[in-house]
Amino acid sequence: MVASRIACEDWVARKETIDGKPALHIYLELNGDYMEEALETELNTTCPKRPGYRDLTAMMDIHPLMVTVLKPGSFNKFARARHAAGLELAQQKPRRMNACEDDINELSGQKIRRPVLSG
């Protein structure tokens, strides 16, 4: 995200299959000062300069980048929930690359159903 100059609080990315084609799906929380409208322009300027991206779009006729903008405070809320659950500092942030489905759903604000352990 640094190379793209997109001002964001935090982000995670993972490989997904969308309409039967591989994609890199980036979930990001924009910085309060960054306009969401500028996101597409910035990515369309930055990504085609990368050889791997350029090759995929040219040879396979796919556009492998998908971006979902998360609500402000998503990563902070995620960390607070982990802290309240007693998890250590290293476990209070989602994995940046290939984040699991539960973490993506929680960041997106979707309810997560976890099994209840009976003792």
PDB file of N, CA and C in Angstrom:
ATOM      1  N   MET A   1       0.815  -1.189   0.000  1.00  0.00           N
ATOM      2  CA  MET A   1       0.000   0.000   0.000  1.00  0.00           C
ATOM      3  C   MET A   1       0.863   1.258   0.000  1.00  0.00           C
ATOM      4  N   VAL A   2       2.084   1.118   0.460  1.00  0.00           N
ATOM      5  CA  VAL A   2       2.977   2.273   0.510  1.00  0.00           C
ATOM      6  C   VAL A   2       3.271   2.786  -0.898  1.00  0.00           C
ATOM      7  N   ALA A   3       3.540   1.878  -1.827  1.00  0.00           N
ATOM      8  CA  ALA A   3       3.869   2.295  -3.184  1.00  0.00           C
ATOM      9  C   ALA A   3       2.708   3.011  -3.865  1.00  0.00           C
ATOM     10  N   SER A   4       1.499   2.695  -3.471  1.00  0.00           N
ATOM     11  CA  SER A   4       0.334   3.301  -4.110  1.00  0.00           C
ATOM     12  C   SER A   4       0.004   4.679  -3.547  1.00  0.00           C
ATOM     13  N   ARG A   5       0.581   5.024  -2.430  1.00  0.00           N
ATOM     14  CA  ARG A   5       0.330   6.308  -1.762  1.00  0.00           C
ATOM     15  C   ARG A   5      -1.111   6.432  -1.276  1.00  0.00           C
ATOM     16  N   ILE A   6      -1.789   5.314  -1.065  1.00  0.00           N
ATOM     17  CA  ILE A   6      -3.141   5.349  -0.530  1.00  0.00           C
ATOM     18  C   ILE A   6      -3.052   5.499   0.985  1.00  0.00           C
ATOM     19  N   ALA A   7      -3.686   6.516   1.490  1.00  0.00           N
ATOM     20  CA  ALA A   7      -3.663   6.764   2.928  1.00  0.00           C
ATOM     21  C   ALA A   7      -4.704   5.879   3.594  1.00  0.00           C
ATOM     22  N   CYS A   8      -4.223   4.852   4.283  1.00  0.00           N
ATOM     23  CA  CYS A   8      -5.159   3.956   4.953  1.00  0.00           C
ATOM     24  C   CYS A   8      -4.684   3.669   6.365  1.00  0.00           C
ATOM     25  N   GLU A   9      -5.645   3.371   7.222  1.00  0.00           N
ATOM     26  CA  GLU A   9      -5.334   3.029   8.606  1.00  0.00           C
ATOM     27  C   GLU A   9      -4.662   1.662   8.664  1.00  0.00           C
ATOM     28  N   ASP A  10      -5.242   0.682   7.962  1.00  0.00           N
ATOM     29  CA  ASP A  10      -4.689  -0.664   7.943  1.00  0.00           C
ATOM     30  C   ASP A  10      -5.337  -1.429   6.796  1.00  0.00           C
ATOM     31  N   TRP A  11      -4.797  -2.599   6.506  1.00  0.00           N
ATOM     32  CA  TRP A  11      -5.318  -3.414   5.411  1.00  0.00           C
ATOM     33  C   TRP A  11      -4.962  -4.871   5.613  1.00  0.00           C
ATOM     34  N   VAL A  12      -5.724  -5.735   4.949  1.00  0.00           N
ATOM     35  CA  VAL A  12      -5.419  -7.155   4.838  1.00  0.00           C
ATOM     36  C   VAL A  12      -5.699  -7.546   3.393  1.00  0.00           C
ATOM     37  N   ALA A  13      -5.050  -8.600   2.944  1.00  0.00           N
ATOM     38  CA  ALA A  13      -5.254  -9.068   1.575  1.00  0.00           C
ATOM     39  C   ALA A  13      -5.259 -10.584   1.566  1.00  0.00           C
ATOM     40  N   ARG A  14      -5.986 -11.143   0.609  1.00  0.00           N
ATOM     41  CA  ARG A  14      -5.977 -12.593   0.470  1.00  0.00           C
ATOM     42  C   ARG A  14      -6.375 -12.979  -0.939  1.00  0.00           C
ATOM     43  N   LYS A  15      -5.951 -14.171  -1.315  1.00  0.00           N
ATOM     44  CA  LYS A  15      -6.301 -14.713  -2.614  1.00  0.00           C
ATOM     45  C   LYS A  15      -7.709 -15.277  -2.516  1.00  0.00           C
ATOM     46  N   GLU A  16      -8.538 -14.921  -3.480  1.00  0.00           N
ATOM     47  CA  GLU A  16      -9.902 -15.428  -3.546  1.00  0.00           C
ATOM     48  C   GLU A  16     -10.200 -15.830  -4.978  1.00  0.00           C
ATOM     49  N   THR A  17     -11.239 -16.605  -5.142  1.00  0.00           N
ATOM     50  CA  THR A  17     -11.718 -16.951  -6.476  1.00  0.00           C
ATOM     51  C   THR A  17     -13.039 -16.227  -6.677  1.00  0.00           C
ATOM     52  N   ILE A  18     -13.077 -15.376  -7.681  1.00  0.00           N
ATOM     53  CA  ILE A  18     -14.265 -14.586  -7.968  1.00  0.00           C
ATOM     54  C   ILE A  18     -14.699 -14.884  -9.395  1.00  0.00           C
ATOM     55  N   ASP A  19     -15.905 -15.377  -9.540  1.00  0.00           N
ATOM     56  CA  ASP A  19     -16.423 -15.798 -10.842  1.00  0.00           C
ATOM     57  C   ASP A  19     -15.491 -16.801 -11.513  1.00  0.00           C
ATOM     58  N   GLY A  20     -14.924 -17.702 -10.725  1.00  0.00           N
ATOM     59  CA  GLY A  20     -14.059 -18.750 -11.246  1.00  0.00           C
ATOM     60  C   GLY A  20     -12.657 -18.309 -11.619  1.00  0.00           C
ATOM     61  N   LYS A  21     -12.313 -17.059 -11.329  1.00  0.00           N
ATOM     62  CA  LYS A  21     -10.984 -16.540 -11.675  1.00  0.00           C
ATOM     63  C   LYS A  21     -10.268 -16.096 -10.400  1.00  0.00           C
ATOM     64  N   PRO A  22      -8.938 -16.294 -10.366  1.00  0.00           N
ATOM     65  CA  PRO A  22      -8.191 -15.875  -9.168  1.00  0.00           C
ATOM     66  C   PRO A  22      -8.152 -14.355  -9.047  1.00  0.00           C
ATOM     67  N   ALA A  23      -8.178 -13.889  -7.813  1.00  0.00           N
ATOM     68  CA  ALA A  23      -8.125 -12.453  -7.567  1.00  0.00           C
ATOM     69  C   ALA A  23      -7.388 -12.190  -6.265  1.00  0.00           C
ATOM     70  N   LEU A  24      -6.758 -11.053  -6.201  1.00  0.00           N
ATOM     71  CA  LEU A  24      -6.179 -10.559  -4.966  1.00  0.00           C
ATOM     72  C   LEU A  24      -7.188  -9.572  -4.407  1.00  0.00           C
ATOM     73  N   HIS A  25      -7.785  -9.923  -3.281  1.00  0.00           N
ATOM     74  CA  HIS A  25      -8.820  -9.082  -2.676  1.00  0.00           C
ATOM     75  C   HIS A  25      -8.198  -8.341  -1.499  1.00  0.00           C
ATOM     76  N   ILE A  26      -8.205  -7.032  -1.588  1.00  0.00           N
ATOM     77  CA  ILE A  26      -7.654  -6.187  -0.536  1.00  0.00           C
ATOM     78  C   ILE A  26      -8.804  -5.547   0.232  1.00  0.00           C
ATOM     79  N   TYR A  27      -8.750  -5.699   1.545  1.00  0.00           N
ATOM     80  CA  TYR A  27      -9.726  -5.068   2.428  1.00  0.00           C
ATOM     81  C   TYR A  27      -8.978  -3.972   3.158  1.00  0.00           C
ATOM     82  N   LEU A  28      -9.440  -2.730   3.021  1.00  0.00           N
ATOM     83  CA  LEU A  28      -8.712  -1.657   3.672  1.00  0.00           C
ATOM     84  C   LEU A  28      -9.645  -0.663   4.338  1.00  0.00           C
ATOM     85  N   GLU A  29      -9.101  -0.049   5.363  1.00  0.00           N
ATOM     86  CA  GLU A  29      -9.799   1.019   6.068  1.00  0.00           C
ATOM     87  C   GLU A  29      -9.069   2.302   5.703  1.00  0.00           C
ATOM     88  N   LEU A  30      -9.768   3.169   4.997  1.00  0.00           N
ATOM     89  CA  LEU A  30      -9.143   4.404   4.550  1.00  0.00           C
ATOM     90  C   LEU A  30      -8.902   5.355   5.706  1.00  0.00           C
ATOM     91  N   ASN A  31      -7.848   6.151   5.570  1.00  0.00           N
ATOM     92  CA  ASN A  31      -7.562   7.208   6.523  1.00  0.00           C
ATOM     93  C   ASN A  31      -8.651   8.254   6.370  1.00  0.00           C
ATOM     94  N   GLY A  32      -9.001   8.907   7.457  1.00  0.00           N
ATOM     95  CA  GLY A  32     -10.062   9.902   7.421  1.00  0.00           C
ATOM     96  C   GLY A  32      -9.857  10.995   6.393  1.00  0.00           C
ATOM     97  N   ASP A  33      -8.609  11.243   6.010  1.00  0.00           N
ATOM     98  CA  ASP A  33      -8.316  12.319   5.069  1.00  0.00           C
ATOM     99  C   ASP A  33      -8.327  11.867   3.614  1.00  0.00           C
ATOM    100  N   TYR A  34      -8.491  10.581   3.371  1.00  0.00           N
ATOM    101  CA  TYR A  34      -8.391  10.064   2.008  1.00  0.00           C
ATOM    102  C   TYR A  34      -9.780   9.905   1.407  1.00  0.00           C
ATOM    103  N   MET A  35      -9.959  10.353   0.206  1.00  0.00           N
ATOM    104  CA  MET A  35     -11.249  10.261  -0.470  1.00  0.00           C
ATOM    105  C   MET A  35     -11.384   8.898  -1.154  1.00  0.00           C
ATOM    106  N   GLU A  36     -12.481   8.228  -0.897  1.00  0.00           N
ATOM    107  CA  GLU A  36     -12.710   6.906  -1.481  1.00  0.00           C
ATOM    108  C   GLU A  36     -12.728   6.967  -3.010  1.00  0.00           C
ATOM    109  N   GLU A  37     -13.196   8.073  -3.562  1.00  0.00           N
ATOM    110  CA  GLU A  37     -13.261   8.223  -5.020  1.00  0.00           C
ATOM    111  C   GLU A  37     -11.869   8.188  -5.651  1.00  0.00           C
ATOM    112  N   ALA A  38     -10.856   8.645  -4.910  1.00  0.00           N
ATOM    113  CA  ALA A  38      -9.493   8.664  -5.438  1.00  0.00           C
ATOM    114  C   ALA A  38      -8.847   7.286  -5.442  1.00  0.00           C
ATOM    115  N   LEU A  39      -9.458   6.339  -4.732  1.00  0.00           N
ATOM    116  CA  LEU A  39      -8.900   4.988  -4.605  1.00  0.00           C
ATOM    117  C   LEU A  39      -8.777   4.290  -5.949  1.00  0.00           C
ATOM    118  N   GLU A  40      -9.843   4.271  -6.716  1.00  0.00           N
ATOM    119  CA  GLU A  40      -9.822   3.587  -8.010  1.00  0.00           C
ATOM    120  C   GLU A  40      -8.812   4.217  -8.955  1.00  0.00           C
ATOM    121  N   THR A  41      -8.752   5.522  -8.971  1.00  0.00           N
ATOM    122  CA  THR A  41      -7.799   6.220  -9.834  1.00  0.00           C
ATOM    123  C   THR A  41      -6.369   5.847  -9.465  1.00  0.00           C
ATOM    124  N   GLU A  42      -6.074   5.865  -8.163  1.00  0.00           N
ATOM    125  CA  GLU A  42      -4.719   5.546  -7.694  1.00  0.00           C
ATOM    126  C   GLU A  42      -4.336   4.112  -8.044  1.00  0.00           C
ATOM    127  N   LEU A  43      -5.231   3.165  -7.805  1.00  0.00           N
ATOM    128  CA  LEU A  43      -4.923   1.760  -8.095  1.00  0.00           C
ATOM    129  C   LEU A  43      -4.800   1.503  -9.594  1.00  0.00           C
ATOM    130  N   ASN A  44      -5.619   2.149 -10.383  1.00  0.00           N
ATOM    131  CA  ASN A  44      -5.532   1.979 -11.835  1.00  0.00           C
ATOM    132  C   ASN A  44      -4.271   2.608 -12.408  1.00  0.00           C
ATOM    133  N   THR A  45      -3.682   3.519 -11.669  1.00  0.00           N
ATOM    134  CA  THR A  45      -2.416   4.123 -12.091  1.00  0.00           C
ATOM    135  C   THR A  45      -1.230   3.289 -11.634  1.00  0.00           C
ATOM    136  N   THR A  46      -1.289   2.773 -10.410  1.00  0.00           N
ATOM    137  CA  THR A  46      -0.173   2.058  -9.803  1.00  0.00           C
ATOM    138  C   THR A  46      -0.038   0.617 -10.292  1.00  0.00           C
ATOM    139  N   CYS A  47      -1.111  -0.140 -10.275  1.00  0.00           N
ATOM    140  CA  CYS A  47      -1.041  -1.581 -10.563  1.00  0.00           C
ATOM    141  C   CYS A  47      -0.538  -1.929 -11.967  1.00  0.00           C
ATOM    142  N   PRO A  48      -1.011  -1.265 -13.016  1.00  0.00           N
ATOM    143  CA  PRO A  48      -0.526  -1.643 -14.351  1.00  0.00           C
ATOM    144  C   PRO A  48       0.978  -1.469 -14.546  1.00  0.00           C
ATOM    145  N   LYS A  49       1.637  -0.731 -13.673  1.00  0.00           N
ATOM    146  CA  LYS A  49       3.083  -0.553 -13.761  1.00  0.00           C
ATOM    147  C   LYS A  49       3.837  -1.776 -13.261  1.00  0.00           C
ATOM    148  N   ARG A  50       3.172  -2.634 -12.516  1.00  0.00           N
ATOM    149  CA  ARG A  50       3.794  -3.838 -11.966  1.00  0.00           C
ATOM    150  C   ARG A  50       3.793  -4.933 -13.029  1.00  0.00           C
ATOM    151  N   PRO A  51       4.969  -5.519 -13.335  1.00  0.00           N
ATOM    152  CA  PRO A  51       5.049  -6.520 -14.414  1.00  0.00           C
ATOM    153  C   PRO A  51       4.091  -7.706 -14.233  1.00  0.00           C
ATOM    154  N   GLY A  52       3.985  -8.252 -13.038  1.00  0.00           N
ATOM    155  CA  GLY A  52       3.105  -9.404 -12.828  1.00  0.00           C
ATOM    156  C   GLY A  52       1.656  -9.071 -13.105  1.00  0.00           C
ATOM    157  N   TYR A  53       1.226  -7.934 -12.668  1.00  0.00           N
ATOM    158  CA  TYR A  53      -0.155  -7.500 -12.892  1.00  0.00           C
ATOM    159  C   TYR A  53      -0.399  -7.262 -14.379  1.00  0.00           C
ATOM    160  N   ARG A  54       0.544  -6.604 -15.009  1.00  0.00           N
ATOM    161  CA  ARG A  54       0.433  -6.305 -16.441  1.00  0.00           C
ATOM    162  C   ARG A  54       0.347  -7.596 -17.243  1.00  0.00           C
ATOM    163  N   ASP A  55       1.165  -8.606 -16.872  1.00  0.00           N
ATOM    164  CA  ASP A  55       1.147  -9.892 -17.574  1.00  0.00           C
ATOM    165  C   ASP A  55      -0.193 -10.598 -17.412  1.00  0.00           C
ATOM    166  N   LEU A  56      -0.743 -10.583 -16.212  1.00  0.00           N
ATOM    167  CA  LEU A  56      -2.032 -11.242 -15.986  1.00  0.00           C
ATOM    168  C   LEU A  56      -3.145 -10.607 -16.804  1.00  0.00           C
ATOM    169  N   THR A  57      -3.173  -9.304 -16.832  1.00  0.00           N
ATOM    170  CA  THR A  57      -4.242  -8.640 -17.568  1.00  0.00           C
ATOM    171  C   THR A  57      -4.082  -8.843 -19.071  1.00  0.00           C
ATOM    172  N   ALA A  58      -2.854  -8.884 -19.550  1.00  0.00           N
ATOM    173  CA  ALA A  58      -2.625  -9.042 -20.983  1.00  0.00           C
ATOM    174  C   ALA A  58      -2.800 -10.485 -21.456  1.00  0.00           C
ATOM    175  N   MET A  59      -2.184 -11.436 -20.764  1.00  0.00           N
ATOM    176  CA  MET A  59      -2.203 -12.830 -21.225  1.00  0.00           C
ATOM    177  C   MET A  59      -3.505 -13.547 -20.902  1.00  0.00           C
ATOM    178  N   MET A  60      -4.069 -13.276 -19.754  1.00  0.00           N
ATOM    179  CA  MET A  60      -5.234 -14.044 -19.314  1.00  0.00           C
ATOM    180  C   MET A  60      -6.532 -13.242 -19.360  1.00  0.00           C
ATOM    181  N   ASP A  61      -6.441 -11.979 -19.746  1.00  0.00           N
ATOM    182  CA  ASP A  61      -7.603 -11.108 -19.830  1.00  0.00           C
ATOM    183  C   ASP A  61      -8.397 -11.101 -18.527  1.00  0.00           C
ATOM    184  N   ILE A  62      -7.677 -10.994 -17.425  1.00  0.00           N
ATOM    185  CA  ILE A  62      -8.341 -10.856 -16.130  1.00  0.00           C
ATOM    186  C   ILE A  62      -7.790  -9.622 -15.424  1.00  0.00           C
ATOM    187  N   HIS A  63      -8.589  -9.105 -14.544  1.00  0.00           N
ATOM    188  CA  HIS A  63      -8.187  -7.968 -13.718  1.00  0.00           C
ATOM    189  C   HIS A  63      -8.230  -8.466 -12.286  1.00  0.00           C
ATOM    190  N   PRO A  64      -7.073  -8.940 -11.805  1.00  0.00           N
ATOM    191  CA  PRO A  64      -7.035  -9.719 -10.566  1.00  0.00           C
ATOM    192  C   PRO A  64      -7.134  -8.935  -9.263  1.00  0.00           C
ATOM    193  N   LEU A  65      -7.382  -7.654  -9.318  1.00  0.00           N
ATOM    194  CA  LEU A  65      -7.410  -6.865  -8.093  1.00  0.00           C
ATOM    195  C   LEU A  65      -8.836  -6.467  -7.748  1.00  0.00           C
ATOM    196  N   MET A  66      -9.225  -6.756  -6.507  1.00  0.00           N
ATOM    197  CA  MET A  66     -10.527  -6.345  -6.002  1.00  0.00           C
ATOM    198  C   MET A  66     -10.300  -5.661  -4.667  1.00  0.00           C
ATOM    199  N   VAL A  67     -10.999  -4.566  -4.425  1.00  0.00           N
ATOM    200  CA  VAL A  67     -10.812  -3.800  -3.200  1.00  0.00           C
ATOM    201  C   VAL A  67     -12.156  -3.609  -2.502  1.00  0.00           C
ATOM    202  N   THR A  68     -12.156  -3.856  -1.195  1.00  0.00           N
ATOM    203  CA  THR A  68     -13.322  -3.578  -0.366  1.00  0.00           C
ATOM    204  C   THR A  68     -12.901  -2.567   0.692  1.00  0.00           C
ATOM    205  N   VAL A  69     -13.627  -1.474   0.753  1.00  0.00           N
ATOM    206  CA  VAL A  69     -13.343  -0.438   1.748  1.00  0.00           C
ATOM    207  C   VAL A  69     -14.164  -0.748   2.994  1.00  0.00           C
ATOM    208  N   LEU A  70     -13.467  -0.882   4.112  1.00  0.00           N
ATOM    209  CA  LEU A  70     -14.101  -1.187   5.392  1.00  0.00           C
ATOM    210  C   LEU A  70     -14.548   0.101   6.081  1.00  0.00           C
ATOM    211  N   LYS A  71     -15.491  -0.035   6.995  1.00  0.00           N
ATOM    212  CA  LYS A  71     -15.976   1.113   7.753  1.00  0.00           C
ATOM    213  C   LYS A  71     -14.863   1.656   8.645  1.00  0.00           C
ATOM    214  N   PRO A  72     -14.865   2.968   8.889  1.00  0.00           N
ATOM    215  CA  PRO A  72     -13.880   3.545   9.809  1.00  0.00           C
ATOM    216  C   PRO A  72     -13.969   2.877  11.182  1.00  0.00           C
ATOM    217  N   GLY A  73     -12.820   2.574  11.744  1.00  0.00           N
ATOM    218  CA  GLY A  73     -12.756   1.957  13.065  1.00  0.00           C
ATOM    219  C   GLY A  73     -12.805   0.444  13.060  1.00  0.00           C
ATOM    220  N   SER A  74     -12.857  -0.180  11.886  1.00  0.00           N
ATOM    221  CA  SER A  74     -12.963  -1.643  11.800  1.00  0.00           C
ATOM    222  C   SER A  74     -11.788  -2.358  12.459  1.00  0.00           C
ATOM    223  N   PHE A  75     -10.579  -1.914  12.192  1.00  0.00           N
ATOM    224  CA  PHE A  75      -9.405  -2.581  12.760  1.00  0.00           C
ATOM    225  C   PHE A  75      -9.302  -2.319  14.262  1.00  0.00           C
ATOM    226  N   ASN A  76      -9.668  -1.115  14.689  1.00  0.00           N
ATOM    227  CA  ASN A  76      -9.652  -0.787  16.112  1.00  0.00           C
ATOM    228  C   ASN A  76     -10.675  -1.640  16.863  1.00  0.00           C
ATOM    229  N   LYS A  77     -11.855  -1.780  16.310  1.00  0.00           N
ATOM    230  CA  LYS A  77     -12.898  -2.606  16.919  1.00  0.00           C
ATOM    231  C   LYS A  77     -12.452  -4.065  17.003  1.00  0.00           C
ATOM    232  N   PHE A  78     -11.803  -4.545  15.944  1.00  0.00           N
ATOM    233  CA  PHE A  78     -11.275  -5.905  15.907  1.00  0.00           C
ATOM    234  C   PHE A  78     -10.275  -6.117  17.045  1.00  0.00           C
ATOM    235  N   ALA A  79      -9.341  -5.172  17.202  1.00  0.00           N
ATOM    236  CA  ALA A  79      -8.306  -5.280  18.233  1.00  0.00           C
ATOM    237  C   ALA A  79      -8.911  -5.207  19.637  1.00  0.00           C
ATOM    238  N   ARG A  80      -9.876  -4.319  19.831  1.00  0.00           N
ATOM    239  CA  ARG A  80     -10.516  -4.198  21.150  1.00  0.00           C
ATOM    240  C   ARG A  80     -11.243  -5.483  21.530  1.00  0.00           C
ATOM    241  N   ALA A  81     -11.915  -6.105  20.564  1.00  0.00           N
ATOM    242  CA  ALA A  81     -12.619  -7.362  20.839  1.00  0.00           C
ATOM    243  C   ALA A  81     -11.633  -8.453  21.226  1.00  0.00           C
ATOM    244  N   ARG A  82     -10.496  -8.507  20.545  1.00  0.00           N
ATOM    245  CA  ARG A  82      -9.471  -9.504  20.862  1.00  0.00           C
ATOM    246  C   ARG A  82      -8.863  -9.254  22.240  1.00  0.00           C
ATOM    247  N   HIS A  83      -8.626  -7.986  22.536  1.00  0.00           N
ATOM    248  CA  HIS A  83      -8.069  -7.622  23.845  1.00  0.00           C
ATOM    249  C   HIS A  83      -9.046  -8.010  24.952  1.00  0.00           C
ATOM    250  N   ALA A  84     -10.325  -7.716  24.759  1.00  0.00           N
ATOM    251  CA  ALA A  84     -11.352  -8.050  25.753  1.00  0.00           C
ATOM    252  C   ALA A  84     -11.466  -9.560  25.954  1.00  0.00           C
ATOM    253  N   ALA A  85     -11.157 -10.324  24.891  1.00  0.00           N
ATOM    254  CA  ALA A  85     -11.202 -11.788  24.994  1.00  0.00           C
ATOM    255  C   ALA A  85      -9.954 -12.351  25.659  1.00  0.00           C
ATOM    256  N   GLY A  86      -8.993 -11.476  26.000  1.00  0.00           N
ATOM    257  CA  GLY A  86      -7.789 -11.916  26.701  1.00  0.00           C
ATOM    258  C   GLY A  86      -6.668 -12.388  25.803  1.00  0.00           C
ATOM    259  N   LEU A  87      -6.760 -12.107  24.514  1.00  0.00           N
ATOM    260  CA  LEU A  87      -5.695 -12.529  23.607  1.00  0.00           C
ATOM    261  C   LEU A  87      -4.478 -11.626  23.752  1.00  0.00           C
ATOM    262  N   GLU A  88      -3.321 -12.183  23.479  1.00  0.00           N
ATOM    263  CA  GLU A  88      -2.077 -11.429  23.576  1.00  0.00           C
ATOM    264  C   GLU A  88      -1.984 -10.414  22.444  1.00  0.00           C
ATOM    265  N   LEU A  89      -1.105  -9.452  22.612  1.00  0.00           N
ATOM    266  CA  LEU A  89      -0.962  -8.354  21.670  1.00  0.00           C
ATOM    267  C   LEU A  89      -0.775  -8.834  20.228  1.00  0.00           C
ATOM    268  N   ALA A  90       0.045  -9.859  20.024  1.00  0.00           N
ATOM    269  CA  ALA A  90       0.322 -10.361  18.676  1.00  0.00           C
ATOM    270  C   ALA A  90      -0.914 -10.960  18.010  1.00  0.00           C
ATOM    271  N   GLN A  91      -1.914 -11.322  18.785  1.00  0.00           N
ATOM    272  CA  GLN A  91      -3.129 -11.930  18.246  1.00  0.00           C
ATOM    273  C   GLN A  91      -4.272 -10.927  18.117  1.00  0.00           C
ATOM    274  N   GLN A  92      -4.004  -9.673  18.402  1.00  0.00           N
ATOM    275  CA  GLN A  92      -5.063  -8.667  18.371  1.00  0.00           C
ATOM    276  C   GLN A  92      -5.239  -8.017  17.012  1.00  0.00           C
ATOM    277  N   LYS A  93      -4.384  -8.362  16.066  1.00  0.00           N
ATOM    278  CA  LYS A  93      -4.526  -7.874  14.697  1.00  0.00           C
ATOM    279  C   LYS A  93      -4.678  -9.076  13.775  1.00  0.00           C
ATOM    280  N   PRO A  94      -5.456  -8.941  12.714  1.00  0.00           N
ATOM    281  CA  PRO A  94      -5.566 -10.062  11.781  1.00  0.00           C
ATOM    282  C   PRO A  94      -4.271 -10.220  10.978  1.00  0.00           C
ATOM    283  N   ARG A  95      -4.058 -11.429  10.461  1.00  0.00           N
ATOM    284  CA  ARG A  95      -2.905 -11.626   9.578  1.00  0.00           C
ATOM    285  C   ARG A  95      -3.062 -10.702   8.380  1.00  0.00           C
ATOM    286  N   ARG A  96      -2.003 -10.054   8.003  1.00  0.00           N
ATOM    287  CA  ARG A  96      -2.066  -9.118   6.876  1.00  0.00           C
ATOM    288  C   ARG A  96      -2.278  -9.854   5.555  1.00  0.00           C
ATOM    289  N   MET A  97      -1.595 -10.974   5.358  1.00  0.00           N
ATOM    290  CA  MET A  97      -1.725 -11.748   4.110  1.00  0.00           C
ATOM    291  C   MET A  97      -2.515 -13.021   4.393  1.00  0.00           C
ATOM    292  N   ASN A  98      -3.465 -13.300   3.499  1.00  0.00           N
ATOM    293  CA  ASN A  98      -4.316 -14.486   3.603  1.00  0.00           C
ATOM    294  C   ASN A  98      -5.036 -14.580   4.940  1.00  0.00           C
ATOM    295  N   ALA A  99      -5.680 -13.501   5.309  1.00  0.00           N
ATOM    296  CA  ALA A  99      -6.490 -13.479   6.525  1.00  0.00           C
ATOM    297  C   ALA A  99      -7.606 -14.511   6.404  1.00  0.00           C
ATOM    298  N   CYS A 100      -7.965 -15.109   7.528  1.00  0.00           N
ATOM    299  CA  CYS A 100      -8.989 -16.159   7.495  1.00  0.00           C
ATOM    300  C   CYS A 100     -10.382 -15.548   7.312  1.00  0.00           C
ATOM    301  N   GLU A 101     -11.315 -16.383   6.909  1.00  0.00           N
ATOM    302  CA  GLU A 101     -12.691 -15.956   6.632  1.00  0.00           C
ATOM    303  C   GLU A 101     -13.339 -15.292   7.849  1.00  0.00           C
ATOM    304  N   ASP A 102     -13.151 -15.867   9.044  1.00  0.00           N
ATOM    305  CA  ASP A 102     -13.733 -15.285  10.254  1.00  0.00           C
ATOM    306  C   ASP A 102     -13.214 -13.870  10.506  1.00  0.00           C
ATOM    307  N   ASP A 103     -11.927 -13.657  10.305  1.00  0.00           N
ATOM    308  CA  ASP A 103     -11.359 -12.318  10.512  1.00  0.00           C
ATOM    309  C   ASP A 103     -11.922 -11.330   9.494  1.00  0.00           C
ATOM    310  N   ILE A 104     -12.037 -11.749   8.240  1.00  0.00           N
ATOM    311  CA  ILE A 104     -12.599 -10.884   7.195  1.00  0.00           C
ATOM    312  C   ILE A 104     -14.045 -10.530   7.540  1.00  0.00           C
ATOM    313  N   ASN A 105     -14.809 -11.528   7.957  1.00  0.00           N
ATOM    314  CA  ASN A 105     -16.206 -11.281   8.310  1.00  0.00           C
ATOM    315  C   ASN A 105     -16.317 -10.317   9.492  1.00  0.00           C
ATOM    316  N   GLU A 106     -15.454 -10.487  10.480  1.00  0.00           N
ATOM    317  CA  GLU A 106     -15.488  -9.601  11.640  1.00  0.00           C
ATOM    318  C   GLU A 106     -15.097  -8.171  11.256  1.00  0.00           C
ATOM    319  N   LEU A 107     -14.080  -8.033  10.435  1.00  0.00           N
ATOM    320  CA  LEU A 107     -13.687  -6.704   9.972  1.00  0.00           C
ATOM    321  C   LEU A 107     -14.793  -6.052   9.151  1.00  0.00           C
ATOM    322  N   SER A 108     -15.531  -6.870   8.410  1.00  0.00           N
ATOM    323  CA  SER A 108     -16.609  -6.367   7.557  1.00  0.00           C
ATOM    324  C   SER A 108     -17.883  -6.073   8.343  1.00  0.00           C
ATOM    325  N   GLY A 109     -17.898  -6.451   9.622  1.00  0.00           N
ATOM    326  CA  GLY A 109     -19.058  -6.190  10.444  1.00  0.00           C
ATOM    327  C   GLY A 109     -20.116  -7.269  10.385  1.00  0.00           C
ATOM    328  N   GLN A 110     -19.759  -8.429   9.845  1.00  0.00           N
ATOM    329  CA  GLN A 110     -20.709  -9.533   9.779  1.00  0.00           C
ATOM    330  C   GLN A 110     -20.648 -10.333  11.069  1.00  0.00           C
ATOM    331  N   LYS A 111     -21.779 -10.839  11.476  1.00  0.00           N
ATOM    332  CA  LYS A 111     -21.839 -11.663  12.683  1.00  0.00           C
ATOM    333  C   LYS A 111     -21.123 -12.984  12.434  1.00  0.00           C
ATOM    334  N   ILE A 112     -20.396 -13.433  13.436  1.00  0.00           N
ATOM    335  CA  ILE A 112     -19.665 -14.687  13.337  1.00  0.00           C
ATOM    336  C   ILE A 112     -20.260 -15.660  14.335  1.00  0.00           C
ATOM    337  N   ARG A 113     -20.551 -16.840  13.871  1.00  0.00           N
ATOM    338  CA  ARG A 113     -21.073 -17.871  14.760  1.00  0.00           C
ATOM    339  C   ARG A 113     -19.948 -18.838  15.069  1.00  0.00           C
ATOM    340  N   ARG A 114     -19.575 -18.845  16.338  1.00  0.00           N
ATOM    341  CA  ARG A 114     -18.528 -19.757  16.784  1.00  0.00           C
ATOM    342  C   ARG A 114     -19.163 -20.822  17.647  1.00  0.00           C
ATOM    343  N   PRO A 115     -18.663 -22.055  17.575  1.00  0.00           N
ATOM    344  CA  PRO A 115     -19.241 -23.105  18.411  1.00  0.00           C
ATOM    345  C   PRO A 115     -18.993 -22.808  19.893  1.00  0.00           C
ATOM    346  N   VAL A 116     -19.968 -23.158  20.699  1.00  0.00           N
ATOM    347  CA  VAL A 116     -19.840 -22.972  22.138  1.00  0.00           C
ATOM    348  C   VAL A 116     -19.297 -24.280  22.714  1.00  0.00           C
ATOM    349  N   LEU A 117     -18.199 -24.159  23.443  1.00  0.00           N
ATOM    350  CA  LEU A 117     -17.598 -25.340  24.048  1.00  0.00           C
ATOM    351  C   LEU A 117     -18.286 -25.632  25.376  1.00  0.00           C
ATOM    352  N   SER A 118     -18.729 -26.849  25.513  1.00  0.00           N
ATOM    353  CA  SER A 118     -19.350 -27.224  26.796  1.00  0.00           C
ATOM    354  C   SER A 118     -18.311 -27.959  27.637  1.00  0.00           C
ATOM    355  N   GLY A 119     -18.368 -27.753  28.880  1.00  0.00           N
ATOM    356  CA  GLY A 119     -17.330 -28.305  29.713  1.00  0.00           C
ATOM    357  C   GLY A 119     -17.841 -29.296  30.619  1.00  0.00           C
TER     358      GLY A 119
END
